[in-house]
Amino acid sequence: MTPSNTLLLLLSIVAAFLSVPCSSFGSGTAISAATIRVADISKDLSAIQECRRSAYANEGKDVSTLLSAAKSFCNADQIQKPGYICVIAQAKDGTVLGTADLNTRAKIVNN
């Protein structure tokens, strides 16, 4: 993958995750105040998981009762594997506001 293709894919991720934010966006946090970047899984994993769980909790769903695919999403299992990139929007206080994942082999964005 060339650097320009990678950049285009990352921009696609940003557009995709902005369309389906986590519940934190509803709390009055302005997207303009967020930093959008590629996640460092070793540092950002717990914040990513909290963001994803909050999306389900915001809909009144208990994460423990979700189907396995939804639990896997909340646990961020996929982005911990080689070949995946996660882009996050992060508030100044460190809260992850939204995420999108890129499968670099299949060039598919999930959010």
PDB file of N, CA and C in Angstrom:
ATOM      1  N   MET A   1       0.850  -1.167   0.000  1.00  0.00           N
ATOM      2  CA  MET A   1       0.000   0.000   0.000  1.00  0.00           C
ATOM      3  C   MET A   1       0.897   1.232   0.000  1.00  0.00           C
ATOM      4  N   THR A   2       0.654   2.135  -0.905  1.00  0.00           N
ATOM      5  CA  THR A   2       1.455   3.351  -1.009  1.00  0.00           C
ATOM      6  C   THR A   2       1.030   4.342   0.067  1.00  0.00           C
ATOM      7  N   PRO A   3       1.919   5.280   0.402  1.00  0.00           N
ATOM      8  CA  PRO A   3       1.536   6.281   1.411  1.00  0.00           C
ATOM      9  C   PRO A   3       0.288   7.073   1.023  1.00  0.00           C
ATOM     10  N   SER A   4       0.125   7.388  -0.259  1.00  0.00           N
ATOM     11  CA  SER A   4      -1.063   8.156  -0.657  1.00  0.00           C
ATOM     12  C   SER A   4      -2.331   7.324  -0.513  1.00  0.00           C
ATOM     13  N   ASN A   5      -2.250   6.010  -0.811  1.00  0.00           N
ATOM     14  CA  ASN A   5      -3.414   5.137  -0.618  1.00  0.00           C
ATOM     15  C   ASN A   5      -3.759   5.028   0.861  1.00  0.00           C
ATOM     16  N   THR A   6      -2.740   4.926   1.698  1.00  0.00           N
ATOM     17  CA  THR A   6      -2.967   4.845   3.134  1.00  0.00           C
ATOM     18  C   THR A   6      -3.646   6.114   3.639  1.00  0.00           C
ATOM     19  N   LEU A   7      -3.198   7.265   3.175  1.00  0.00           N
ATOM     20  CA  LEU A   7      -3.813   8.524   3.583  1.00  0.00           C
ATOM     21  C   LEU A   7      -5.273   8.589   3.161  1.00  0.00           C
ATOM     22  N   LEU A   8      -5.569   8.175   1.939  1.00  0.00           N
ATOM     23  CA  LEU A   8      -6.954   8.173   1.469  1.00  0.00           C
ATOM     24  C   LEU A   8      -7.821   7.244   2.314  1.00  0.00           C
ATOM     25  N   LEU A   9      -7.283   6.091   2.668  1.00  0.00           N
ATOM     26  CA  LEU A   9      -8.038   5.157   3.502  1.00  0.00           C
ATOM     27  C   LEU A   9      -8.286   5.742   4.888  1.00  0.00           C
ATOM     28  N   LEU A  10      -7.284   6.398   5.452  1.00  0.00           N
ATOM     29  CA  LEU A  10      -7.461   7.001   6.770  1.00  0.00           C
ATOM     30  C   LEU A  10      -8.497   8.124   6.724  1.00  0.00           C
ATOM     31  N   LEU A  11      -8.496   8.888   5.660  1.00  0.00           N
ATOM     32  CA  LEU A  11      -9.515   9.928   5.529  1.00  0.00           C
ATOM     33  C   LEU A  11     -10.901   9.315   5.399  1.00  0.00           C
ATOM     34  N   SER A  12     -10.997   8.177   4.728  1.00  0.00           N
ATOM     35  CA  SER A  12     -12.279   7.470   4.631  1.00  0.00           C
ATOM     36  C   SER A  12     -12.750   7.030   6.009  1.00  0.00           C
ATOM     37  N   ILE A  13     -11.812   6.585   6.824  1.00  0.00           N
ATOM     38  CA  ILE A  13     -12.154   6.167   8.186  1.00  0.00           C
ATOM     39  C   ILE A  13     -12.718   7.344   8.969  1.00  0.00           C
ATOM     40  N   VAL A  14     -12.065   8.473   8.881  1.00  0.00           N
ATOM     41  CA  VAL A  14     -12.527   9.655   9.614  1.00  0.00           C
ATOM     42  C   VAL A  14     -13.952   9.999   9.211  1.00  0.00           C
ATOM     43  N   ALA A  15     -14.209  10.008   7.925  1.00  0.00           N
ATOM     44  CA  ALA A  15     -15.563  10.308   7.453  1.00  0.00           C
ATOM     45  C   ALA A  15     -16.560   9.270   7.954  1.00  0.00           C
ATOM     46  N   ALA A  16     -16.162   8.003   7.950  1.00  0.00           N
ATOM     47  CA  ALA A  16     -17.067   6.938   8.377  1.00  0.00           C
ATOM     48  C   ALA A  16     -17.403   7.045   9.852  1.00  0.00           C
ATOM     49  N   PHE A  17     -16.402   7.251  10.708  1.00  0.00           N
ATOM     50  CA  PHE A  17     -16.732   7.243  12.129  1.00  0.00           C
ATOM     51  C   PHE A  17     -17.459   8.500  12.554  1.00  0.00           C
ATOM     52  N   LEU A  18     -17.277   9.583  11.847  1.00  0.00           N
ATOM     53  CA  LEU A  18     -18.031  10.780  12.194  1.00  0.00           C
ATOM     54  C   LEU A  18     -19.517  10.599  11.952  1.00  0.00           C
ATOM     55  N   SER A  19     -19.865   9.621  11.118  1.00  0.00           N
ATOM     56  CA  SER A  19     -21.284   9.384  10.858  1.00  0.00           C
ATOM     57  C   SER A  19     -21.950   8.570  11.970  1.00  0.00           C
ATOM     58  N   VAL A  20     -21.178   7.867  12.808  1.00  0.00           N
ATOM     59  CA  VAL A  20     -21.741   7.058  13.894  1.00  0.00           C
ATOM     60  C   VAL A  20     -20.891   7.249  15.148  1.00  0.00           C
ATOM     61  N   PRO A  21     -21.082   8.343  15.863  1.00  0.00           N
ATOM     62  CA  PRO A  21     -20.282   8.612  17.049  1.00  0.00           C
ATOM     63  C   PRO A  21     -20.764   7.839  18.270  1.00  0.00           C
ATOM     64  N   CYS A  22     -19.886   7.746  19.248  1.00  0.00           N
ATOM     65  CA  CYS A  22     -20.251   7.164  20.537  1.00  0.00           C
ATOM     66  C   CYS A  22     -21.092   8.172  21.309  1.00  0.00           C
ATOM     67  N   SER A  23     -21.609   7.746  22.430  1.00  0.00           N
ATOM     68  CA  SER A  23     -22.544   8.580  23.173  1.00  0.00           C
ATOM     69  C   SER A  23     -21.908   9.869  23.694  1.00  0.00           C
ATOM     70  N   SER A  24     -20.607   9.917  23.776  1.00  0.00           N
ATOM     71  CA  SER A  24     -19.947  11.107  24.298  1.00  0.00           C
ATOM     72  C   SER A  24     -20.256  12.349  23.487  1.00  0.00           C
ATOM     73  N   PHE A  25     -20.526  12.211  22.176  1.00  0.00           N
ATOM     74  CA  PHE A  25     -20.849  13.372  21.365  1.00  0.00           C
ATOM     75  C   PHE A  25     -22.132  14.037  21.848  1.00  0.00           C
ATOM     76  N   GLY A  26     -23.050  13.255  22.375  1.00  0.00           N
ATOM     77  CA  GLY A  26     -24.310  13.795  22.838  1.00  0.00           C
ATOM     78  C   GLY A  26     -24.189  14.580  24.132  1.00  0.00           C
ATOM     79  N   SER A  27     -23.029  14.529  24.760  1.00  0.00           N
ATOM     80  CA  SER A  27     -22.872  15.187  26.056  1.00  0.00           C
ATOM     81  C   SER A  27     -22.426  16.641  25.933  1.00  0.00           C
ATOM     82  N   GLY A  28     -22.469  17.203  24.712  1.00  0.00           N
ATOM     83  CA  GLY A  28     -22.122  18.600  24.535  1.00  0.00           C
ATOM     84  C   GLY A  28     -20.683  18.822  24.098  1.00  0.00           C
ATOM     85  N   THR A  29     -19.919  17.763  23.866  1.00  0.00           N
ATOM     86  CA  THR A  29     -18.545  17.904  23.417  1.00  0.00           C
ATOM     87  C   THR A  29     -18.534  18.265  21.942  1.00  0.00           C
ATOM     88  N   ALA A  30     -17.854  19.314  21.591  1.00  0.00           N
ATOM     89  CA  ALA A  30     -17.800  19.749  20.196  1.00  0.00           C
ATOM     90  C   ALA A  30     -16.754  18.954  19.441  1.00  0.00           C
ATOM     91  N   ILE A  31     -17.111  18.466  18.262  1.00  0.00           N
ATOM     92  CA  ILE A  31     -16.162  17.717  17.446  1.00  0.00           C
ATOM     93  C   ILE A  31     -14.982  18.597  17.063  1.00  0.00           C
ATOM     94  N   SER A  32     -15.183  19.896  16.933  1.00  0.00           N
ATOM     95  CA  SER A  32     -14.081  20.788  16.559  1.00  0.00           C
ATOM     96  C   SER A  32     -12.995  20.821  17.630  1.00  0.00           C
ATOM     97  N   ALA A  33     -13.337  20.463  18.851  1.00  0.00           N
ATOM     98  CA  ALA A  33     -12.363  20.445  19.935  1.00  0.00           C
ATOM     99  C   ALA A  33     -11.641  19.110  20.028  1.00  0.00           C
ATOM    100  N   ALA A  34     -11.990  18.165  19.172  1.00  0.00           N
ATOM    101  CA  ALA A  34     -11.411  16.827  19.231  1.00  0.00           C
ATOM    102  C   ALA A  34     -10.163  16.726  18.365  1.00  0.00           C
ATOM    103  N   THR A  35      -9.286  15.827  18.767  1.00  0.00           N
ATOM    104  CA  THR A  35      -8.118  15.463  17.974  1.00  0.00           C
ATOM    105  C   THR A  35      -8.443  14.160  17.273  1.00  0.00           C
ATOM    106  N   ILE A  36      -8.216  14.097  15.976  1.00  0.00           N
ATOM    107  CA  ILE A  36      -8.444  12.871  15.224  1.00  0.00           C
ATOM    108  C   ILE A  36      -7.085  12.300  14.868  1.00  0.00           C
ATOM    109  N   ARG A  37      -6.873  11.033  15.263  1.00  0.00           N
ATOM    110  CA  ARG A  37      -5.562  10.414  15.043  1.00  0.00           C
ATOM    111  C   ARG A  37      -5.676   8.906  15.018  1.00  0.00           C
ATOM    112  N   VAL A  38      -4.607   8.263  14.566  1.00  0.00           N
ATOM    113  CA  VAL A  38      -4.524   6.807  14.618  1.00  0.00           C
ATOM    114  C   VAL A  38      -4.280   6.429  16.072  1.00  0.00           C
ATOM    115  N   ALA A  39      -5.035   5.477  16.552  1.00  0.00           N
ATOM    116  CA  ALA A  39      -4.918   5.062  17.951  1.00  0.00           C
ATOM    117  C   ALA A  39      -3.622   4.309  18.201  1.00  0.00           C
ATOM    118  N   ASP A  40      -3.094   4.476  19.394  1.00  0.00           N
ATOM    119  CA  ASP A  40      -1.983   3.668  19.899  1.00  0.00           C
ATOM    120  C   ASP A  40      -2.654   2.646  20.815  1.00  0.00           C
ATOM    121  N   ILE A  41      -2.828   1.443  20.321  1.00  0.00           N
ATOM    122  CA  ILE A  41      -3.611   0.429  21.045  1.00  0.00           C
ATOM    123  C   ILE A  41      -3.073   0.200  22.451  1.00  0.00           C
ATOM    124  N   SER A  42      -1.757   0.216  22.619  1.00  0.00           N
ATOM    125  CA  SER A  42      -1.204  -0.026  23.954  1.00  0.00           C
ATOM    126  C   SER A  42      -1.604   1.055  24.954  1.00  0.00           C
ATOM    127  N   LYS A  43      -1.890   2.266  24.467  1.00  0.00           N
ATOM    128  CA  LYS A  43      -2.259   3.362  25.357  1.00  0.00           C
ATOM    129  C   LYS A  43      -3.755   3.673  25.335  1.00  0.00           C
ATOM    130  N   ASP A  44      -4.411   3.446  24.203  1.00  0.00           N
ATOM    131  CA  ASP A  44      -5.787   3.903  24.003  1.00  0.00           C
ATOM    132  C   ASP A  44      -6.859   2.823  24.132  1.00  0.00           C
ATOM    133  N   LEU A  45      -6.467   1.573  24.312  1.00  0.00           N
ATOM    134  CA  LEU A  45      -7.430   0.473  24.273  1.00  0.00           C
ATOM    135  C   LEU A  45      -8.571   0.640  25.273  1.00  0.00           C
ATOM    136  N   SER A  46      -8.266   0.955  26.516  1.00  0.00           N
ATOM    137  CA  SER A  46      -9.351   1.046  27.507  1.00  0.00           C
ATOM    138  C   SER A  46     -10.308   2.191  27.176  1.00  0.00           C
ATOM    139  N   ALA A  47      -9.808   3.309  26.663  1.00  0.00           N
ATOM    140  CA  ALA A  47     -10.677   4.427  26.292  1.00  0.00           C
ATOM    141  C   ALA A  47     -11.535   4.074  25.074  1.00  0.00           C
ATOM    142  N   ILE A  48     -10.966   3.316  24.134  1.00  0.00           N
ATOM    143  CA  ILE A  48     -11.719   2.859  22.964  1.00  0.00           C
ATOM    144  C   ILE A  48     -12.851   1.936  23.408  1.00  0.00           C
ATOM    145  N   GLN A  49     -12.544   1.003  24.293  1.00  0.00           N
ATOM    146  CA  GLN A  49     -13.558   0.077  24.798  1.00  0.00           C
ATOM    147  C   GLN A  49     -14.672   0.819  25.524  1.00  0.00           C
ATOM    148  N   GLU A  50     -14.323   1.787  26.329  1.00  0.00           N
ATOM    149  CA  GLU A  50     -15.341   2.565  27.057  1.00  0.00           C
ATOM    150  C   GLU A  50     -16.246   3.325  26.084  1.00  0.00           C
ATOM    151  N   CYS A  51     -15.649   3.904  25.055  1.00  0.00           N
ATOM    152  CA  CYS A  51     -16.430   4.618  24.046  1.00  0.00           C
ATOM    153  C   CYS A  51     -17.425   3.675  23.381  1.00  0.00           C
ATOM    154  N   ARG A  52     -16.955   2.509  22.983  1.00  0.00           N
ATOM    155  CA  ARG A  52     -17.827   1.559  22.288  1.00  0.00           C
ATOM    156  C   ARG A  52     -18.921   1.031  23.201  1.00  0.00           C
ATOM    157  N   ARG A  53     -18.593   0.772  24.442  1.00  0.00           N
ATOM    158  CA  ARG A  53     -19.619   0.303  25.385  1.00  0.00           C
ATOM    159  C   ARG A  53     -20.654   1.389  25.643  1.00  0.00           C
ATOM    160  N   SER A  54     -20.198   2.643  25.669  1.00  0.00           N
ATOM    161  CA  SER A  54     -21.123   3.748  25.930  1.00  0.00           C
ATOM    162  C   SER A  54     -22.146   3.890  24.813  1.00  0.00           C
ATOM    163  N   ALA A  55     -21.773   3.517  23.601  1.00  0.00           N
ATOM    164  CA  ALA A  55     -22.716   3.599  22.481  1.00  0.00           C
ATOM    165  C   ALA A  55     -23.897   2.662  22.711  1.00  0.00           C
ATOM    166  N   TYR A  56     -23.651   1.477  23.246  1.00  0.00           N
ATOM    167  CA  TYR A  56     -24.728   0.532  23.536  1.00  0.00           C
ATOM    168  C   TYR A  56     -25.504   0.953  24.777  1.00  0.00           C
ATOM    169  N   ALA A  57     -24.789   1.414  25.788  1.00  0.00           N
ATOM    170  CA  ALA A  57     -25.461   1.842  27.018  1.00  0.00           C
ATOM    171  C   ALA A  57     -26.378   3.023  26.746  1.00  0.00           C
ATOM    172  N   ASN A  58     -25.970   3.885  25.837  1.00  0.00           N
ATOM    173  CA  ASN A  58     -26.777   5.044  25.475  1.00  0.00           C
ATOM    174  C   ASN A  58     -28.116   4.619  24.858  1.00  0.00           C
ATOM    175  N   GLU A  59     -28.149   3.439  24.268  1.00  0.00           N
ATOM    176  CA  GLU A  59     -29.379   2.908  23.678  1.00  0.00           C
ATOM    177  C   GLU A  59     -30.139   2.037  24.672  1.00  0.00           C
ATOM    178  N   GLY A  60     -29.691   2.002  25.917  1.00  0.00           N
ATOM    179  CA  GLY A  60     -30.363   1.228  26.942  1.00  0.00           C
ATOM    180  C   GLY A  60     -30.049  -0.258  26.924  1.00  0.00           C
ATOM    181  N   LYS A  61     -28.962  -0.633  26.254  1.00  0.00           N
ATOM    182  CA  LYS A  61     -28.602  -2.049  26.157  1.00  0.00           C
ATOM    183  C   LYS A  61     -27.513  -2.391  27.157  1.00  0.00           C
ATOM    184  N   ASP A  62     -27.638  -3.549  27.767  1.00  0.00           N
ATOM    185  CA  ASP A  62     -26.640  -4.055  28.696  1.00  0.00           C
ATOM    186  C   ASP A  62     -25.597  -4.806  27.889  1.00  0.00           C
ATOM    187  N   VAL A  63     -24.340  -4.387  27.966  1.00  0.00           N
ATOM    188  CA  VAL A  63     -23.263  -4.987  27.177  1.00  0.00           C
ATOM    189  C   VAL A  63     -23.156  -6.487  27.438  1.00  0.00           C
ATOM    190  N   SER A  64     -23.435  -6.930  28.653  1.00  0.00           N
ATOM    191  CA  SER A  64     -23.285  -8.355  28.979  1.00  0.00           C
ATOM    192  C   SER A  64     -24.303  -9.237  28.259  1.00  0.00           C
ATOM    193  N   THR A  65     -25.373  -8.640  27.720  1.00  0.00           N
ATOM    194  CA  THR A  65     -26.393  -9.429  27.032  1.00  0.00           C
ATOM    195  C   THR A  65     -26.279  -9.360  25.508  1.00  0.00           C
ATOM    196  N   LEU A  66     -25.255  -8.706  25.006  1.00  0.00           N
ATOM    197  CA  LEU A  66     -25.096  -8.554  23.562  1.00  0.00           C
ATOM    198  C   LEU A  66     -24.658  -9.851  22.898  1.00  0.00           C
ATOM    199  N   LEU A  67     -24.923  -9.961  21.610  1.00  0.00           N
ATOM    200  CA  LEU A  67     -24.433 -11.094  20.837  1.00  0.00           C
ATOM    201  C   LEU A  67     -22.915 -11.031  20.747  1.00  0.00           C
ATOM    202  N   SER A  68     -22.292 -12.148  20.396  1.00  0.00           N
ATOM    203  CA  SER A  68     -20.830 -12.228  20.413  1.00  0.00           C
ATOM    204  C   SER A  68     -20.161 -11.191  19.507  1.00  0.00           C
ATOM    205  N   ALA A  69     -20.731 -10.894  18.344  1.00  0.00           N
ATOM    206  CA  ALA A  69     -20.122  -9.899  17.452  1.00  0.00           C
ATOM    207  C   ALA A  69     -20.123  -8.516  18.098  1.00  0.00           C
ATOM    208  N   ALA A  70     -21.204  -8.164  18.779  1.00  0.00           N
ATOM    209  CA  ALA A  70     -21.282  -6.860  19.448  1.00  0.00           C
ATOM    210  C   ALA A  70     -20.320  -6.809  20.635  1.00  0.00           C
ATOM    211  N   LYS A  71     -20.214  -7.910  21.370  1.00  0.00           N
ATOM    212  CA  LYS A  71     -19.263  -7.967  22.483  1.00  0.00           C
ATOM    213  C   LYS A  71     -17.839  -7.813  21.965  1.00  0.00           C
ATOM    214  N   SER A  72     -17.545  -8.464  20.846  1.00  0.00           N
ATOM    215  CA  SER A  72     -16.222  -8.369  20.237  1.00  0.00           C
ATOM    216  C   SER A  72     -15.918  -6.928  19.836  1.00  0.00           C
ATOM    217  N   PHE A  73     -16.923  -6.242  19.274  1.00  0.00           N
ATOM    218  CA  PHE A  73     -16.766  -4.836  18.912  1.00  0.00           C
ATOM    219  C   PHE A  73     -16.480  -3.996  20.155  1.00  0.00           C
ATOM    220  N   CYS A  74     -17.260  -4.190  21.204  1.00  0.00           N
ATOM    221  CA  CYS A  74     -17.070  -3.418  22.436  1.00  0.00           C
ATOM    222  C   CYS A  74     -15.691  -3.674  23.046  1.00  0.00           C
ATOM    223  N   ASN A  75     -15.222  -4.901  22.948  1.00  0.00           N
ATOM    224  CA  ASN A  75     -13.911  -5.255  23.492  1.00  0.00           C
ATOM    225  C   ASN A  75     -12.762  -4.843  22.576  1.00  0.00           C
ATOM    226  N   ALA A  76     -13.098  -4.377  21.371  1.00  0.00           N
ATOM    227  CA  ALA A  76     -12.107  -3.953  20.375  1.00  0.00           C
ATOM    228  C   ALA A  76     -11.172  -5.103  19.999  1.00  0.00           C
ATOM    229  N   ASP A  77     -11.725  -6.299  19.903  1.00  0.00           N
ATOM    230  CA  ASP A  77     -10.915  -7.480  19.589  1.00  0.00           C
ATOM    231  C   ASP A  77     -10.219  -7.352  18.235  1.00  0.00           C
ATOM    232  N   GLN A  78     -10.950  -6.879  17.247  1.00  0.00           N
ATOM    233  CA  GLN A  78     -10.436  -6.828  15.877  1.00  0.00           C
ATOM    234  C   GLN A  78      -9.193  -5.945  15.758  1.00  0.00           C
ATOM    235  N   ILE A  79      -9.229  -4.777  16.361  1.00  0.00           N
ATOM    236  CA  ILE A  79      -8.119  -3.835  16.179  1.00  0.00           C
ATOM    237  C   ILE A  79      -6.860  -4.249  16.931  1.00  0.00           C
ATOM    238  N   GLN A  80      -6.939  -5.295  17.725  1.00  0.00           N
ATOM    239  CA  GLN A  80      -5.769  -5.803  18.419  1.00  0.00           C
ATOM    240  C   GLN A  80      -5.022  -6.832  17.570  1.00  0.00           C
ATOM    241  N   LYS A  81      -5.547  -7.115  16.383  1.00  0.00           N
ATOM    242  CA  LYS A  81      -4.931  -8.072  15.467  1.00  0.00           C
ATOM    243  C   LYS A  81      -4.092  -7.339  14.429  1.00  0.00           C
ATOM    244  N   PRO A  82      -3.065  -8.009  13.885  1.00  0.00           N
ATOM    245  CA  PRO A  82      -2.286  -7.393  12.806  1.00  0.00           C
ATOM    246  C   PRO A  82      -3.181  -7.115  11.594  1.00  0.00           C
ATOM    247  N   GLY A  83      -2.880  -6.036  10.882  1.00  0.00           N
ATOM    248  CA  GLY A  83      -3.631  -5.717   9.676  1.00  0.00           C
ATOM    249  C   GLY A  83      -4.805  -4.788   9.904  1.00  0.00           C
ATOM    250  N   TYR A  84      -4.949  -4.250  11.115  1.00  0.00           N
ATOM    251  CA  TYR A  84      -6.042  -3.333  11.419  1.00  0.00           C
ATOM    252  C   TYR A  84      -5.492  -2.032  11.978  1.00  0.00           C
ATOM    253  N   ILE A  85      -6.141  -0.943  11.627  1.00  0.00           N
ATOM    254  CA  ILE A  85      -5.819   0.383  12.145  1.00  0.00           C
ATOM    255  C   ILE A  85      -7.106   0.942  12.733  1.00  0.00           C
ATOM    256  N   CYS A  86      -6.989   1.594  13.875  1.00  0.00           N
ATOM    257  CA  CYS A  86      -8.133   2.259  14.490  1.00  0.00           C
ATOM    258  C   CYS A  86      -7.852   3.755  14.525  1.00  0.00           C
ATOM    259  N   VAL A  87      -8.792   4.539  14.034  1.00  0.00           N
ATOM    260  CA  VAL A  87      -8.710   5.993  14.099  1.00  0.00           C
ATOM    261  C   VAL A  87      -9.707   6.446  15.154  1.00  0.00           C
ATOM    262  N   ILE A  88      -9.268   7.374  15.994  1.00  0.00           N
ATOM    263  CA  ILE A  88     -10.134   7.853  17.063  1.00  0.00           C
ATOM    264  C   ILE A  88     -10.263   9.375  17.014  1.00  0.00           C
ATOM    265  N   ALA A  89     -11.386   9.844  17.517  1.00  0.00           N
ATOM    266  CA  ALA A  89     -11.563  11.264  17.831  1.00  0.00           C
ATOM    267  C   ALA A  89     -11.482  11.334  19.351  1.00  0.00           C
ATOM    268  N   GLN A  90     -10.608  12.175  19.844  1.00  0.00           N
ATOM    269  CA  GLN A  90     -10.362  12.223  21.277  1.00  0.00           C
ATOM    270  C   GLN A  90     -10.490  13.647  21.793  1.00  0.00           C
ATOM    271  N   ALA A  91     -11.245  13.795  22.864  1.00  0.00           N
ATOM    272  CA  ALA A  91     -11.407  15.098  23.510  1.00  0.00           C
ATOM    273  C   ALA A  91     -10.122  15.470  24.242  1.00  0.00           C
ATOM    274  N   LYS A  92     -10.016  16.728  24.600  1.00  0.00           N
ATOM    275  CA  LYS A  92      -8.817  17.206  25.293  1.00  0.00           C
ATOM    276  C   LYS A  92      -8.594  16.501  26.627  1.00  0.00           C
ATOM    277  N   ASP A  93      -9.682  16.015  27.243  1.00  0.00           N
ATOM    278  CA  ASP A  93      -9.545  15.325  28.527  1.00  0.00           C
ATOM    279  C   ASP A  93      -9.175  13.848  28.372  1.00  0.00           C
ATOM    280  N   GLY A  94      -8.982  13.386  27.118  1.00  0.00           N
ATOM    281  CA  GLY A  94      -8.592  12.004  26.866  1.00  0.00           C
ATOM    282  C   GLY A  94      -9.739  11.079  26.528  1.00  0.00           C
ATOM    283  N   THR A  95     -10.968  11.539  26.679  1.00  0.00           N
ATOM    284  CA  THR A  95     -12.139  10.718  26.359  1.00  0.00           C
ATOM    285  C   THR A  95     -12.184  10.453  24.861  1.00  0.00           C
ATOM    286  N   VAL A  96     -12.362   9.184  24.486  1.00  0.00           N
ATOM    287  CA  VAL A  96     -12.519   8.844  23.079  1.00  0.00           C
ATOM    288  C   VAL A  96     -13.973   9.082  22.710  1.00  0.00           C
ATOM    289  N   LEU A  97     -14.180   9.916  21.699  1.00  0.00           N
ATOM    290  CA  LEU A  97     -15.522  10.323  21.298  1.00  0.00           C
ATOM    291  C   LEU A  97     -16.099   9.451  20.190  1.00  0.00           C
ATOM    292  N   GLY A  98     -15.245   8.836  19.401  1.00  0.00           N
ATOM    293  CA  GLY A  98     -15.697   8.003  18.296  1.00  0.00           C
ATOM    294  C   GLY A  98     -14.536   7.217  17.723  1.00  0.00           C
ATOM    295  N   THR A  99     -14.840   6.113  17.066  1.00  0.00           N
ATOM    296  CA  THR A  99     -13.797   5.259  16.501  1.00  0.00           C
ATOM    297  C   THR A  99     -14.205   4.757  15.128  1.00  0.00           C
ATOM    298  N   ALA A 100     -13.214   4.375  14.352  1.00  0.00           N
ATOM    299  CA  ALA A 100     -13.436   3.669  13.088  1.00  0.00           C
ATOM    300  C   ALA A 100     -12.226   2.784  12.850  1.00  0.00           C
ATOM    301  N   ASP A 101     -12.477   1.599  12.344  1.00  0.00           N
ATOM    302  CA  ASP A 101     -11.419   0.623  12.122  1.00  0.00           C
ATOM    303  C   ASP A 101     -11.216   0.401  10.638  1.00  0.00           C
ATOM    304  N   LEU A 102      -9.979   0.175  10.253  1.00  0.00           N
ATOM    305  CA  LEU A 102      -9.645  -0.129   8.869  1.00  0.00           C
ATOM    306  C   LEU A 102      -8.954  -1.475   8.805  1.00  0.00           C
ATOM    307  N   ASN A 103      -9.504  -2.366   7.994  1.00  0.00           N
ATOM    308  CA  ASN A 103      -8.822  -3.608   7.656  1.00  0.00           C
ATOM    309  C   ASN A 103      -7.921  -3.259   6.486  1.00  0.00           C
ATOM    310  N   THR A 104      -6.613  -3.216   6.711  1.00  0.00           N
ATOM    311  CA  THR A 104      -5.685  -2.738   5.692  1.00  0.00           C
ATOM    312  C   THR A 104      -5.539  -3.712   4.528  1.00  0.00           C
ATOM    313  N   ARG A 105      -5.838  -4.971   4.747  1.00  0.00           N
ATOM    314  CA  ARG A 105      -5.758  -5.950   3.645  1.00  0.00           C
ATOM    315  C   ARG A 105      -6.967  -5.885   2.730  1.00  0.00           C
ATOM    316  N   ALA A 106      -8.148  -5.839   3.336  1.00  0.00           N
ATOM    317  CA  ALA A 106      -9.395  -5.828   2.550  1.00  0.00           C
ATOM    318  C   ALA A 106      -9.836  -4.403   2.205  1.00  0.00           C
ATOM    319  N   LYS A 107      -9.197  -3.411   2.824  1.00  0.00           N
ATOM    320  CA  LYS A 107      -9.542  -1.997   2.633  1.00  0.00           C
ATOM    321  C   LYS A 107     -11.015  -1.727   2.959  1.00  0.00           C
ATOM    322  N   ILE A 108     -11.457  -2.286   4.084  1.00  0.00           N
ATOM    323  CA  ILE A 108     -12.825  -2.123   4.556  1.00  0.00           C
ATOM    324  C   ILE A 108     -12.808  -1.334   5.850  1.00  0.00           C
ATOM    325  N   VAL A 109     -13.698  -0.346   5.950  1.00  0.00           N
ATOM    326  CA  VAL A 109     -13.819   0.468   7.151  1.00  0.00           C
ATOM    327  C   VAL A 109     -15.028  -0.008   7.936  1.00  0.00           C
ATOM    328  N   ASN A 110     -14.825  -0.212   9.242  1.00  0.00           N
ATOM    329  CA  ASN A 110     -15.920  -0.551  10.154  1.00  0.00           C
ATOM    330  C   ASN A 110     -15.979   0.538  11.215  1.00  0.00           C
ATOM    331  N   ASN A 111     -17.194   0.929  11.598  1.00  0.00           N
ATOM    332  CA  ASN A 111     -17.335   1.872  12.700  1.00  0.00           C
ATOM    333  C   ASN A 111     -18.530   1.508  13.539  1.00  0.00           C
TER     334      ASN A 111
END
